[in-house]
Structure formats: structure tokens, C-alpha cells
Amino acid sequence: MGVDSKSVKAYLTRMGCRVLDSVPAAEVFPDRSPGTLLSGARYREGMTQVQLAEATGINRRHLSEMEHDKRPIGKANAKKLGDALSVDHRLFM
């Protein structure tokens, strides 16, 4: 027997839980960093670092360093990455 999200929300509300339809990313991932968000967005799009490098013109090694928080992303690169990964570039700032 499947359980739908509406009945789960109703149950949690009856139990006194505060149920929200959306949760801020910072609450779910408190230790998020620009690099973690970059690698997650790349993974979501099913892209390799090589493919992302080709799509953005950013050196693959630099992408790796950005994903490991060893290189700042910067505004210009954030805009390129946001366009290529279909996310708001401010996510990487």
C-alpha cells in the first residue's frame, strides 16, 4: 500500500510538526559551499567536468579546483556555469 505526501503531511501536522512545502537549501545542507553546489548541479545535469569545461570555456582543472573549494568561482565564471547548468549564478557566489 503506497503512502502519498498529502497523507504524510496531514499525519505530521496532527503530531504537532511544522510542515513546509519548501525548505531552504541552507537548512537541508548546512555545510554547503560553492564547490559542493557546483559539483551537485553538474551531477544533476549528468555532465562530466570535461563536458562542462567545453560548454563554459573554463579549464577542466580549474573546474576541479572550484568544486573542491581550492579556487574561487568569481562572478564571470558563476554566470557561465549558471547558464550551462540551468541554475541561478548567484548559487555559486
Protein backbone atom coordinates (compact mmCIF):
# COMPACT_ATOMS: atom_id res chain seq x y z
CA MET A 1 0.00 0.00 0.00
CA GLY A 2 1.52 3.34 -1.11
CA VAL A 3 1.57 6.44 1.03
CA ASP A 4 1.09 9.81 -0.62
CA SER A 5 2.74 13.02 0.52
CA LYS A 6 -0.60 14.63 1.39
CA SER A 7 -1.44 11.98 3.98
CA VAL A 8 2.10 12.13 5.41
CA LYS A 9 1.84 15.92 5.76
CA ALA A 10 -1.57 15.59 7.44
CA TYR A 11 -0.20 13.00 9.88
CA LEU A 12 2.83 15.10 10.76
CA THR A 13 0.64 18.17 11.28
CA ARG A 14 -1.62 16.19 13.64
CA MET A 15 1.51 15.12 15.54
CA GLY A 16 2.42 18.78 16.07
CA CYS A 17 5.14 19.05 13.45
CA ARG A 18 5.56 22.18 11.39
CA VAL A 19 5.24 21.12 7.78
CA LEU A 20 6.52 23.33 4.98
CA ASP A 21 6.13 22.86 1.24
CA SER A 22 9.65 24.09 0.62
CA VAL A 23 12.76 24.08 2.74
CA PRO A 24 15.71 26.43 2.21
CA ALA A 25 18.77 24.65 0.86
CA ALA A 26 20.86 26.04 3.73
CA GLU A 27 18.62 24.20 6.19
CA VAL A 28 18.97 20.87 4.40
CA PHE A 29 22.66 21.32 3.57
CA PRO A 30 24.10 23.48 6.36
CA ASP A 31 27.70 22.84 5.29
CA ARG A 32 27.13 23.69 1.63
CA SER A 33 29.86 25.51 -0.19
CA PRO A 34 30.04 26.93 -3.70
CA GLY A 35 32.14 23.93 -4.75
CA THR A 36 29.66 21.42 -3.35
CA LEU A 37 26.79 23.19 -5.07
CA LEU A 38 28.75 23.30 -8.34
CA SER A 39 29.51 19.58 -8.31
CA GLY A 40 25.90 18.81 -7.34
CA ALA A 41 24.49 20.91 -10.18
CA ARG A 42 26.92 19.29 -12.62
CA TYR A 43 25.93 15.83 -11.39
CA ARG A 44 22.22 16.72 -11.69
CA GLU A 45 22.75 17.67 -15.33
CA GLY A 46 24.68 14.44 -15.96
CA MET A 47 27.77 16.30 -17.14
CA THR A 48 31.42 15.42 -16.71
CA GLN A 49 33.96 18.10 -15.89
CA VAL A 50 35.23 17.82 -19.46
CA GLN A 51 31.74 18.43 -20.86
CA LEU A 52 31.21 21.39 -18.53
CA ALA A 53 34.60 22.80 -19.49
CA GLU A 54 33.64 22.59 -23.16
CA ALA A 55 30.26 24.21 -22.51
CA THR A 56 31.71 27.11 -20.50
CA GLY A 57 35.23 27.61 -21.81
CA ILE A 58 36.57 27.16 -18.27
CA ASN A 59 39.64 24.93 -17.95
CA ARG A 60 38.73 21.46 -16.59
CA ARG A 61 41.45 21.63 -13.94
CA HIS A 62 40.04 24.96 -12.77
CA LEU A 63 36.57 23.39 -12.53
CA SER A 64 38.01 20.63 -10.36
CA GLU A 65 39.68 23.20 -8.11
CA MET A 66 36.41 25.14 -7.88
CA GLU A 67 34.48 22.00 -6.93
CA HIS A 68 37.00 21.31 -4.16
CA ASP A 69 36.86 24.94 -2.95
CA LYS A 70 40.53 25.45 -3.79
CA ARG A 71 39.78 28.17 -6.37
CA PRO A 72 37.16 30.92 -6.10
CA ILE A 73 34.47 30.76 -8.76
CA GLY A 74 34.09 34.51 -9.35
CA LYS A 75 31.17 36.35 -10.87
CA ALA A 76 32.08 35.89 -14.56
CA ASN A 77 32.58 32.13 -14.16
CA ALA A 78 29.46 31.84 -11.98
CA LYS A 79 27.41 33.33 -14.84
CA LYS A 80 28.91 30.88 -17.36
CA LEU A 81 28.30 27.95 -15.01
CA GLY A 82 24.77 29.07 -14.20
CA ASP A 83 23.90 29.24 -17.90
CA ALA A 84 25.45 25.85 -18.64
CA LEU A 85 23.86 24.14 -15.62
CA SER A 86 20.45 25.88 -15.76
CA VAL A 87 20.73 27.42 -12.28
CA ASP A 88 20.87 30.95 -10.90
CA HIS A 89 24.52 32.00 -11.00
CA ARG A 90 24.19 33.52 -7.51
CA LEU A 91 24.11 29.98 -6.15
CA PHE A 92 27.86 29.84 -6.71
CA MET A 93 28.68 33.18 -5.08
